[in-house]
Amino acid sequence: MRQTESGILYLVATPIGNLRDFTFRAVEVLQHVDLIACEDTRHSRPLLDHYGISTPTSPLHEHNEDVASSRLVERLRQGESIALISDAGTPLISDPGFPLVRAARSAGIRVVPVPGPCALVAALSASGLPADHFAFEGFLPRKSSARKASLESLRNDSRTLIFYESSHRVVDCIADIASIFPADRRLVIARELTKLFETIVDTRVGEALSLLEGDPNMRKGEFVLVLEGAPALGRTEGLTAEEERVLRILLEDCSVKTAASLTAKITGARRETVYRAALRLAEGK
């Protein structure tokens, strides 16, 4: 009996390392859809073979996704069911697929998530850092100047910050983090999550670079960096974390009075409360 409905796009999360981290539902969906769109069909083949999934596959990656999305949406219109998978983890999270999902929804096609592994959530959950407010920034820019600019814009963000990084750039990335953020800010380095050499290290921004340079193994694999947010000083001033975040950003380029006024307009916070918090933050610089 058919286990999937026709004309539906399924977004199926796949293991990020350990092949056993695959849900029964995910296997069932992939076995019964008409087509599996893969970021890399060669990369996905061992996983599909492991679970006895013989469904036809088709590539959908960053170089062809605009053209491929149009073709796949047309097949969905004709009543076929299609599953989208990335090389690892949840589709669209620093992976291809957004044009396909947007086009499918615009065409009135039902999009169904089949949740599962996600490296950023796995790292955050094990980091010991606050998980109630966080910001996922994906991969930072490749060039140091652009990377530093991005990091500078986040320096006063009170949310826990999460980045992806490759083994080729992790040392340079952490060096740039150390040049922007306070040395005592906590930094959790998670590498090779769910794999044989999984490592999760709790360190400080000022110590992280020497940690990597002193251990060649710490420079190998795929990385998730979880960085502690700025102290939420605004909580003592009656501001929410989001109100404080907006205020801190505006204080970078505006006067106290202007920053407070704009924050109140943007967030709806009381102007007097925001102004007192702005004075305190400005005095603390």
C-alpha atoms as a PDB file:
ATOM      1  CA  MET A   1       0.000   0.000   0.000  1.00  0.00           C
ATOM      2  CA  ARG A   2       1.283   3.430  -0.905  1.00  0.00           C
ATOM      3  CA  GLN A   3       2.622   5.310   2.142  1.00  0.00           C
ATOM      4  CA  THR A   4       2.904   8.827   0.632  1.00  0.00           C
ATOM      5  CA  GLU A   5       0.382  11.147  -0.959  1.00  0.00           C
ATOM      6  CA  SER A   6       0.727  12.409  -4.521  1.00  0.00           C
ATOM      7  CA  GLY A   7       1.712  15.937  -5.428  1.00  0.00           C
ATOM      8  CA  ILE A   8       3.623  16.562  -2.194  1.00  0.00           C
ATOM      9  CA  LEU A   9       7.177  17.780  -1.635  1.00  0.00           C
ATOM     10  CA  TYR A  10       8.753  16.098   1.393  1.00  0.00           C
ATOM     11  CA  LEU A  11      11.786  17.671   3.091  1.00  0.00           C
ATOM     12  CA  VAL A  12      13.602  14.731   4.662  1.00  0.00           C
ATOM     13  CA  ALA A  13      16.388  15.158   7.220  1.00  0.00           C
ATOM     14  CA  THR A  14      19.233  12.654   6.889  1.00  0.00           C
ATOM     15  CA  PRO A  15      22.012  11.594   9.302  1.00  0.00           C
ATOM     16  CA  ILE A  16      24.878  14.037   9.866  1.00  0.00           C
ATOM     17  CA  GLY A  17      27.316  11.209  10.428  1.00  0.00           C
ATOM     18  CA  ASN A  18      25.921   8.158  12.184  1.00  0.00           C
ATOM     19  CA  LEU A  19      23.754   6.207   9.740  1.00  0.00           C
ATOM     20  CA  ARG A  20      21.574   4.972  12.601  1.00  0.00           C
ATOM     21  CA  ASP A  21      20.287   8.500  13.194  1.00  0.00           C
ATOM     22  CA  PHE A  22      17.522   8.028  10.632  1.00  0.00           C
ATOM     23  CA  THR A  23      13.835   7.910  11.498  1.00  0.00           C
ATOM     24  CA  PHE A  24      11.451   5.125  10.513  1.00  0.00           C
ATOM     25  CA  ARG A  25       9.246   7.744   8.881  1.00  0.00           C
ATOM     26  CA  ALA A  26      12.130   9.118   6.809  1.00  0.00           C
ATOM     27  CA  VAL A  27      12.952   5.664   5.450  1.00  0.00           C
ATOM     28  CA  GLU A  28       9.294   4.983   4.675  1.00  0.00           C
ATOM     29  CA  VAL A  29       8.875   8.275   2.808  1.00  0.00           C
ATOM     30  CA  LEU A  30      12.016   7.762   0.735  1.00  0.00           C
ATOM     31  CA  GLN A  31      10.925   4.232  -0.154  1.00  0.00           C
ATOM     32  CA  HIS A  32       7.552   5.345  -1.470  1.00  0.00           C
ATOM     33  CA  VAL A  33       7.998   8.709  -3.183  1.00  0.00           C
ATOM     34  CA  ASP A  34       8.336   8.815  -6.973  1.00  0.00           C
ATOM     35  CA  LEU A  35      11.671  10.643  -6.905  1.00  0.00           C
ATOM     36  CA  ILE A  36      14.391  11.720  -4.471  1.00  0.00           C
ATOM     37  CA  ALA A  37      16.099  15.035  -5.229  1.00  0.00           C
ATOM     38  CA  CYS A  38      19.625  14.826  -3.779  1.00  0.00           C
ATOM     39  CA  GLU A  39      22.274  17.481  -3.230  1.00  0.00           C
ATOM     40  CA  ASP A  40      24.758  14.882  -4.499  1.00  0.00           C
ATOM     41  CA  THR A  41      23.379  11.561  -5.729  1.00  0.00           C
ATOM     42  CA  ARG A  42      26.768   9.871  -5.305  1.00  0.00           C
ATOM     43  CA  HIS A  43      27.037  11.023  -1.701  1.00  0.00           C
ATOM     44  CA  SER A  44      23.504   9.879  -0.869  1.00  0.00           C
ATOM     45  CA  ARG A  45      23.810   6.455  -2.487  1.00  0.00           C
ATOM     46  CA  PRO A  46      25.516   4.691   0.502  1.00  0.00           C
ATOM     47  CA  LEU A  47      22.722   5.888   2.822  1.00  0.00           C
ATOM     48  CA  LEU A  48      19.982   4.819   0.433  1.00  0.00           C
ATOM     49  CA  ASP A  49      21.634   1.441  -0.151  1.00  0.00           C
ATOM     50  CA  HIS A  50      22.068   0.919   3.589  1.00  0.00           C
ATOM     51  CA  TYR A  51      18.298   1.168   4.052  1.00  0.00           C
ATOM     52  CA  GLY A  52      17.351  -0.690   0.884  1.00  0.00           C
ATOM     53  CA  ILE A  53      15.898   2.406  -0.808  1.00  0.00           C
ATOM     54  CA  SER A  54      15.804   1.960  -4.576  1.00  0.00           C
ATOM     55  CA  THR A  55      13.737   5.046  -5.468  1.00  0.00           C
ATOM     56  CA  PRO A  56      15.074   6.949  -8.509  1.00  0.00           C
ATOM     57  CA  THR A  57      17.249   9.967  -7.687  1.00  0.00           C
ATOM     58  CA  SER A  58      17.929  13.296  -9.376  1.00  0.00           C
ATOM     59  CA  PRO A  59      20.552  15.937  -8.538  1.00  0.00           C
ATOM     60  CA  LEU A  60      19.560  19.283  -7.059  1.00  0.00           C
ATOM     61  CA  HIS A  61      22.532  21.393  -5.986  1.00  0.00           C
ATOM     62  CA  GLU A  62      23.596  25.032  -5.891  1.00  0.00           C
ATOM     63  CA  HIS A  63      24.651  25.026  -9.549  1.00  0.00           C
ATOM     64  CA  ASN A  64      21.436  23.662 -11.056  1.00  0.00           C
ATOM     65  CA  GLU A  65      18.700  24.300  -8.496  1.00  0.00           C
ATOM     66  CA  ASP A  66      16.926  27.095 -10.378  1.00  0.00           C
ATOM     67  CA  VAL A  67      16.455  24.973 -13.510  1.00  0.00           C
ATOM     68  CA  ALA A  68      15.921  21.740 -11.578  1.00  0.00           C
ATOM     69  CA  SER A  69      13.326  23.388  -9.317  1.00  0.00           C
ATOM     70  CA  SER A  70      11.130  24.336 -12.259  1.00  0.00           C
ATOM     71  CA  ARG A  71      11.270  20.798 -13.599  1.00  0.00           C
ATOM     72  CA  LEU A  72      10.500  19.264 -10.213  1.00  0.00           C
ATOM     73  CA  VAL A  73       7.573  21.608  -9.563  1.00  0.00           C
ATOM     74  CA  GLU A  74       6.070  20.582 -12.882  1.00  0.00           C
ATOM     75  CA  ARG A  75       6.312  16.931 -11.871  1.00  0.00           C
ATOM     76  CA  LEU A  76       4.672  17.778  -8.553  1.00  0.00           C
ATOM     77  CA  ARG A  77       1.867  19.534 -10.431  1.00  0.00           C
ATOM     78  CA  GLN A  78       1.317  16.325 -12.359  1.00  0.00           C
ATOM     79  CA  GLY A  79       0.729  14.449  -9.117  1.00  0.00           C
ATOM     80  CA  GLU A  80       4.118  12.903  -8.400  1.00  0.00           C
ATOM     81  CA  SER A  81       5.533  12.872  -4.877  1.00  0.00           C
ATOM     82  CA  ILE A  82       9.124  14.049  -4.422  1.00  0.00           C
ATOM     83  CA  ALA A  83      11.487  14.009  -1.446  1.00  0.00           C
ATOM     84  CA  LEU A  84      14.340  16.483  -1.056  1.00  0.00           C
ATOM     85  CA  ILE A  85      17.454  15.455   0.886  1.00  0.00           C
ATOM     86  CA  SER A  86      20.798  17.169   1.374  1.00  0.00           C
ATOM     87  CA  ASP A  87      24.173  15.511   1.888  1.00  0.00           C
ATOM     88  CA  ALA A  88      23.597  15.558   5.644  1.00  0.00           C
ATOM     89  CA  GLY A  89      21.120  17.018   8.090  1.00  0.00           C
ATOM     90  CA  THR A  90      17.996  19.040   7.446  1.00  0.00           C
ATOM     91  CA  PRO A  91      17.471  20.376   3.898  1.00  0.00           C
ATOM     92  CA  LEU A  92      17.893  24.140   3.334  1.00  0.00           C
ATOM     93  CA  ILE A  93      19.980  24.647   6.499  1.00  0.00           C
ATOM     94  CA  SER A  94      23.152  25.913   4.783  1.00  0.00           C
ATOM     95  CA  ASP A  95      22.198  23.576   1.939  1.00  0.00           C
ATOM     96  CA  PRO A  96      20.370  23.896  -1.417  1.00  0.00           C
ATOM     97  CA  GLY A  97      16.590  23.719  -1.683  1.00  0.00           C
ATOM     98  CA  PHE A  98      15.174  27.151  -0.962  1.00  0.00           C
ATOM     99  CA  PRO A  99      14.200  27.947  -4.594  1.00  0.00           C
ATOM    100  CA  LEU A 100      12.407  24.596  -4.836  1.00  0.00           C
ATOM    101  CA  VAL A 101      10.433  25.099  -1.619  1.00  0.00           C
ATOM    102  CA  ARG A 102       9.542  28.670  -2.536  1.00  0.00           C
ATOM    103  CA  ALA A 103       8.427  27.659  -6.038  1.00  0.00           C
ATOM    104  CA  ALA A 104       6.413  24.718  -4.699  1.00  0.00           C
ATOM    105  CA  ARG A 105       4.587  26.836  -2.151  1.00  0.00           C
ATOM    106  CA  SER A 106       3.936  29.548  -4.731  1.00  0.00           C
ATOM    107  CA  ALA A 107       2.386  26.880  -6.944  1.00  0.00           C
ATOM    108  CA  GLY A 108       0.085  25.780  -4.130  1.00  0.00           C
ATOM    109  CA  ILE A 109       1.914  22.494  -3.628  1.00  0.00           C
ATOM    110  CA  ARG A 110       1.934  21.033  -0.140  1.00  0.00           C
ATOM    111  CA  VAL A 111       5.377  20.967   1.511  1.00  0.00           C
ATOM    112  CA  VAL A 112       5.820  18.445   4.334  1.00  0.00           C
ATOM    113  CA  PRO A 113       8.844  18.424   6.668  1.00  0.00           C
ATOM    114  CA  VAL A 114      10.124  15.068   7.887  1.00  0.00           C
ATOM    115  CA  PRO A 115      12.310  16.221  10.794  1.00  0.00           C
ATOM    116  CA  GLY A 116      15.501  14.656  12.020  1.00  0.00           C
ATOM    117  CA  PRO A 117      19.189  15.441  12.527  1.00  0.00           C
ATOM    118  CA  CYS A 118      20.456  19.024  12.411  1.00  0.00           C
ATOM    119  CA  ALA A 119      24.058  19.833  13.324  1.00  0.00           C
ATOM    120  CA  LEU A 120      23.346  23.281  14.754  1.00  0.00           C
ATOM    121  CA  VAL A 121      20.651  21.965  17.106  1.00  0.00           C
ATOM    122  CA  ALA A 122      22.818  19.011  18.162  1.00  0.00           C
ATOM    123  CA  ALA A 123      25.752  21.300  18.993  1.00  0.00           C
ATOM    124  CA  LEU A 124      23.593  23.859  20.791  1.00  0.00           C
ATOM    125  CA  SER A 125      21.859  21.231  22.905  1.00  0.00           C
ATOM    126  CA  ALA A 126      25.180  19.841  24.129  1.00  0.00           C
ATOM    127  CA  SER A 127      27.014  23.177  24.482  1.00  0.00           C
ATOM    128  CA  GLY A 128      25.833  24.198  27.914  1.00  0.00           C
ATOM    129  CA  LEU A 129      25.137  27.679  26.559  1.00  0.00           C
ATOM    130  CA  PRO A 130      21.691  29.321  26.661  1.00  0.00           C
ATOM    131  CA  ALA A 131      19.340  27.806  24.096  1.00  0.00           C
ATOM    132  CA  ASP A 132      16.284  29.984  24.690  1.00  0.00           C
ATOM    133  CA  HIS A 133      17.534  32.757  22.388  1.00  0.00           C
ATOM    134  CA  PHE A 134      20.072  31.968  19.682  1.00  0.00           C
ATOM    135  CA  ALA A 135      21.069  33.076  16.202  1.00  0.00           C
ATOM    136  CA  PHE A 136      22.282  30.708  13.500  1.00  0.00           C
ATOM    137  CA  GLU A 137      24.675  32.503  11.130  1.00  0.00           C
ATOM    138  CA  GLY A 138      25.650  29.522   8.966  1.00  0.00           C
ATOM    139  CA  PHE A 139      29.008  29.807   7.213  1.00  0.00           C
ATOM    140  CA  LEU A 140      30.762  33.136   7.669  1.00  0.00           C
ATOM    141  CA  PRO A 141      32.314  34.860   4.607  1.00  0.00           C
ATOM    142  CA  ARG A 142      35.471  33.267   3.220  1.00  0.00           C
ATOM    143  CA  LYS A 143      37.587  36.447   3.197  1.00  0.00           C
ATOM    144  CA  SER A 144      38.882  37.672   6.539  1.00  0.00           C
ATOM    145  CA  SER A 145      37.829  41.294   6.019  1.00  0.00           C
ATOM    146  CA  ALA A 146      34.220  40.347   5.266  1.00  0.00           C
ATOM    147  CA  ARG A 147      34.240  37.759   8.046  1.00  0.00           C
ATOM    148  CA  LYS A 148      35.436  40.322  10.586  1.00  0.00           C
ATOM    149  CA  ALA A 149      32.755  42.758   9.460  1.00  0.00           C
ATOM    150  CA  SER A 150      30.078  40.123  10.026  1.00  0.00           C
ATOM    151  CA  LEU A 151      31.490  39.244  13.428  1.00  0.00           C
ATOM    152  CA  GLU A 152      31.728  42.896  14.429  1.00  0.00           C
ATOM    153  CA  SER A 153      28.019  43.325  13.734  1.00  0.00           C
ATOM    154  CA  LEU A 154      27.344  40.483  16.204  1.00  0.00           C
ATOM    155  CA  ARG A 155      29.769  41.540  18.951  1.00  0.00           C
ATOM    156  CA  ASN A 156      27.075  42.983  21.207  1.00  0.00           C
ATOM    157  CA  ASP A 157      24.363  40.452  20.382  1.00  0.00           C
ATOM    158  CA  SER A 158      23.096  38.868  23.597  1.00  0.00           C
ATOM    159  CA  ARG A 159      21.903  35.706  21.844  1.00  0.00           C
ATOM    160  CA  THR A 160      23.982  32.533  21.665  1.00  0.00           C
ATOM    161  CA  LEU A 161      25.654  32.598  18.228  1.00  0.00           C
ATOM    162  CA  ILE A 162      26.111  29.488  16.083  1.00  0.00           C
ATOM    163  CA  PHE A 163      28.396  29.162  13.061  1.00  0.00           C
ATOM    164  CA  TYR A 164      29.337  26.368  10.665  1.00  0.00           C
ATOM    165  CA  GLU A 165      32.942  26.112   9.517  1.00  0.00           C
ATOM    166  CA  SER A 166      35.133  23.798   7.469  1.00  0.00           C
ATOM    167  CA  SER A 167      38.476  22.326   8.440  1.00  0.00           C
ATOM    168  CA  HIS A 168      40.174  24.544   5.835  1.00  0.00           C
ATOM    169  CA  ARG A 169      39.111  27.803   7.477  1.00  0.00           C
ATOM    170  CA  VAL A 170      38.408  26.992  11.120  1.00  0.00           C
ATOM    171  CA  VAL A 171      41.767  28.299  12.387  1.00  0.00           C
ATOM    172  CA  ASP A 172      41.428  31.590  10.500  1.00  0.00           C
ATOM    173  CA  CYS A 173      37.793  31.893  11.599  1.00  0.00           C
ATOM    174  CA  ILE A 174      38.621  31.441  15.277  1.00  0.00           C
ATOM    175  CA  ALA A 175      41.509  33.888  14.947  1.00  0.00           C
ATOM    176  CA  ASP A 176      39.054  36.486  13.637  1.00  0.00           C
ATOM    177  CA  ILE A 177      36.600  35.690  16.435  1.00  0.00           C
ATOM    178  CA  ALA A 178      39.424  36.282  18.930  1.00  0.00           C
ATOM    179  CA  SER A 179      40.148  39.674  17.345  1.00  0.00           C
ATOM    180  CA  ILE A 180      36.538  40.824  17.781  1.00  0.00           C
ATOM    181  CA  PHE A 181      35.091  39.204  20.907  1.00  0.00           C
ATOM    182  CA  PRO A 182      36.271  39.434  24.539  1.00  0.00           C
ATOM    183  CA  ALA A 183      38.862  36.826  25.486  1.00  0.00           C
ATOM    184  CA  ASP A 184      36.735  35.484  28.352  1.00  0.00           C
ATOM    185  CA  ARG A 185      33.656  34.820  26.194  1.00  0.00           C
ATOM    186  CA  ARG A 186      32.797  31.109  26.211  1.00  0.00           C
ATOM    187  CA  LEU A 187      33.216  29.238  22.925  1.00  0.00           C
ATOM    188  CA  VAL A 188      32.169  25.643  22.369  1.00  0.00           C
ATOM    189  CA  ILE A 189      33.882  23.872  19.467  1.00  0.00           C
ATOM    190  CA  ALA A 190      31.956  20.843  18.208  1.00  0.00           C
ATOM    191  CA  ARG A 191      33.523  18.709  15.490  1.00  0.00           C
ATOM    192  CA  GLU A 192      32.532  15.501  13.714  1.00  0.00           C
ATOM    193  CA  LEU A 193      29.190  15.347  15.512  1.00  0.00           C
ATOM    194  CA  THR A 194      27.722  11.802  15.781  1.00  0.00           C
ATOM    195  CA  LYS A 195      30.832  10.354  14.094  1.00  0.00           C
ATOM    196  CA  LEU A 196      33.598   8.156  15.500  1.00  0.00           C
ATOM    197  CA  PHE A 197      35.823  11.069  16.522  1.00  0.00           C
ATOM    198  CA  GLU A 198      33.095  13.368  17.818  1.00  0.00           C
ATOM    199  CA  THR A 199      34.611  16.094  20.005  1.00  0.00           C
ATOM    200  CA  ILE A 200      32.860  18.852  21.947  1.00  0.00           C
ATOM    201  CA  VAL A 201      35.241  21.226  23.712  1.00  0.00           C
ATOM    202  CA  ASP A 202      34.204  24.041  26.050  1.00  0.00           C
ATOM    203  CA  THR A 203      36.830  26.784  25.970  1.00  0.00           C
ATOM    204  CA  ARG A 204      37.209  30.576  25.894  1.00  0.00           C
ATOM    205  CA  VAL A 205      37.696  32.857  22.916  1.00  0.00           C
ATOM    206  CA  GLY A 206      41.177  33.782  24.119  1.00  0.00           C
ATOM    207  CA  GLU A 207      42.254  30.139  24.479  1.00  0.00           C
ATOM    208  CA  ALA A 208      40.614  28.529  21.462  1.00  0.00           C
ATOM    209  CA  LEU A 209      43.275  29.324  18.864  1.00  0.00           C
ATOM    210  CA  SER A 210      46.123  27.786  20.858  1.00  0.00           C
ATOM    211  CA  LEU A 211      43.909  24.757  21.502  1.00  0.00           C
ATOM    212  CA  LEU A 212      43.541  24.147  17.771  1.00  0.00           C
ATOM    213  CA  GLU A 213      47.146  24.925  16.940  1.00  0.00           C
ATOM    214  CA  GLY A 214      48.357  22.511  19.615  1.00  0.00           C
ATOM    215  CA  ASP A 215      46.269  19.549  18.464  1.00  0.00           C
ATOM    216  CA  PRO A 216      46.206  18.597  14.758  1.00  0.00           C
ATOM    217  CA  ASN A 217      43.103  16.454  15.321  1.00  0.00           C
ATOM    218  CA  MET A 218      41.187  19.536  16.430  1.00  0.00           C
ATOM    219  CA  ARG A 219      41.683  20.988  12.947  1.00  0.00           C
ATOM    220  CA  LYS A 220      40.045  18.057  11.153  1.00  0.00           C
ATOM    221  CA  GLY A 221      36.426  17.423  10.226  1.00  0.00           C
ATOM    222  CA  GLU A 222      33.282  19.518  10.079  1.00  0.00           C
ATOM    223  CA  PHE A 223      32.778  22.153  12.751  1.00  0.00           C
ATOM    224  CA  VAL A 224      29.968  23.872  14.604  1.00  0.00           C
ATOM    225  CA  LEU A 225      31.070  26.848  16.710  1.00  0.00           C
ATOM    226  CA  VAL A 226      28.747  27.915  19.517  1.00  0.00           C
ATOM    227  CA  LEU A 227      29.638  31.330  20.952  1.00  0.00           C
ATOM    228  CA  GLU A 228      28.282  32.825  24.163  1.00  0.00           C
ATOM    229  CA  GLY A 229      26.252  35.981  23.675  1.00  0.00           C
ATOM    230  CA  ALA A 230      27.042  39.360  25.169  1.00  0.00           C
ATOM    231  CA  PRO A 231      25.985  39.899  28.795  1.00  0.00           C
ATOM    232  CA  ALA A 232      22.293  40.724  28.852  1.00  0.00           C
ATOM    233  CA  LEU A 233      22.718  43.928  30.847  1.00  0.00           C
ATOM    234  CA  GLY A 234      19.359  45.157  29.666  1.00  0.00           C
ATOM    235  CA  ARG A 235      17.552  42.626  31.849  1.00  0.00           C
ATOM    236  CA  THR A 236      18.352  44.784  34.880  1.00  0.00           C
ATOM    237  CA  GLU A 237      16.894  47.746  33.009  1.00  0.00           C
ATOM    238  CA  GLY A 238      13.605  46.054  32.204  1.00  0.00           C
ATOM    239  CA  LEU A 239      14.359  45.289  28.547  1.00  0.00           C
ATOM    240  CA  THR A 240      13.807  41.990  26.811  1.00  0.00           C
ATOM    241  CA  ALA A 241      16.745  40.315  25.069  1.00  0.00           C
ATOM    242  CA  GLU A 242      15.418  41.422  21.661  1.00  0.00           C
ATOM    243  CA  GLU A 243      14.917  45.027  22.794  1.00  0.00           C
ATOM    244  CA  GLU A 244      18.456  45.121  24.109  1.00  0.00           C
ATOM    245  CA  ARG A 245      19.828  43.599  20.909  1.00  0.00           C
ATOM    246  CA  VAL A 246      18.213  46.318  18.810  1.00  0.00           C
ATOM    247  CA  LEU A 247      19.431  49.016  21.197  1.00  0.00           C
ATOM    248  CA  ARG A 248      23.006  47.739  21.141  1.00  0.00           C
ATOM    249  CA  ILE A 249      23.066  47.737  17.339  1.00  0.00           C
ATOM    250  CA  LEU A 250      21.746  51.291  17.122  1.00  0.00           C
ATOM    251  CA  LEU A 251      24.214  52.537  19.737  1.00  0.00           C
ATOM    252  CA  GLU A 252      27.045  51.553  17.408  1.00  0.00           C
ATOM    253  CA  ASP A 253      26.144  54.411  15.045  1.00  0.00           C
ATOM    254  CA  CYS A 254      23.658  56.654  16.854  1.00  0.00           C
ATOM    255  CA  SER A 255      23.640  58.931  19.864  1.00  0.00           C
ATOM    256  CA  VAL A 256      22.082  57.667  23.088  1.00  0.00           C
ATOM    257  CA  LYS A 257      18.980  59.760  22.533  1.00  0.00           C
ATOM    258  CA  THR A 258      18.496  58.677  18.922  1.00  0.00           C
ATOM    259  CA  ALA A 259      19.218  55.024  19.641  1.00  0.00           C
ATOM    260  CA  ALA A 260      16.740  54.992  22.502  1.00  0.00           C
ATOM    261  CA  SER A 261      14.053  56.715  20.461  1.00  0.00           C
ATOM    262  CA  LEU A 262      14.454  54.376  17.485  1.00  0.00           C
ATOM    263  CA  THR A 263      14.531  51.271  19.699  1.00  0.00           C
ATOM    264  CA  ALA A 264      11.293  52.314  21.364  1.00  0.00           C
ATOM    265  CA  LYS A 265       9.657  52.837  17.960  1.00  0.00           C
ATOM    266  CA  ILE A 266      10.910  49.547  16.542  1.00  0.00           C
ATOM    267  CA  THR A 267      10.157  47.319  19.539  1.00  0.00           C
ATOM    268  CA  GLY A 268       7.332  49.110  21.305  1.00  0.00           C
ATOM    269  CA  ALA A 269       9.308  49.319  24.556  1.00  0.00           C
ATOM    270  CA  ARG A 270       8.813  52.296  26.865  1.00  0.00           C
ATOM    271  CA  ARG A 271      11.058  55.183  25.809  1.00  0.00           C
ATOM    272  CA  GLU A 272      12.086  56.063  29.361  1.00  0.00           C
ATOM    273  CA  THR A 273      13.125  52.475  30.092  1.00  0.00           C
ATOM    274  CA  VAL A 274      15.104  52.241  26.873  1.00  0.00           C
ATOM    275  CA  TYR A 275      16.791  55.585  27.491  1.00  0.00           C
ATOM    276  CA  ARG A 276      18.004  54.544  30.962  1.00  0.00           C
ATOM    277  CA  ALA A 277      19.355  51.285  29.510  1.00  0.00           C
ATOM    278  CA  ALA A 278      21.060  53.202  26.677  1.00  0.00           C
ATOM    279  CA  LEU A 279      22.817  55.483  29.158  1.00  0.00           C
ATOM    280  CA  ARG A 280      24.094  52.530  31.113  1.00  0.00           C
ATOM    281  CA  LEU A 281      25.311  50.703  28.024  1.00  0.00           C
ATOM    282  CA  ALA A 282      27.012  53.842  26.697  1.00  0.00           C
ATOM    283  CA  GLU A 283      28.804  54.397  30.023  1.00  0.00           C
ATOM    284  CA  GLY A 284      29.994  50.808  29.962  1.00  0.00           C
ATOM    285  CA  LYS A 285      31.795  51.121  26.627  1.00  0.00           C
END
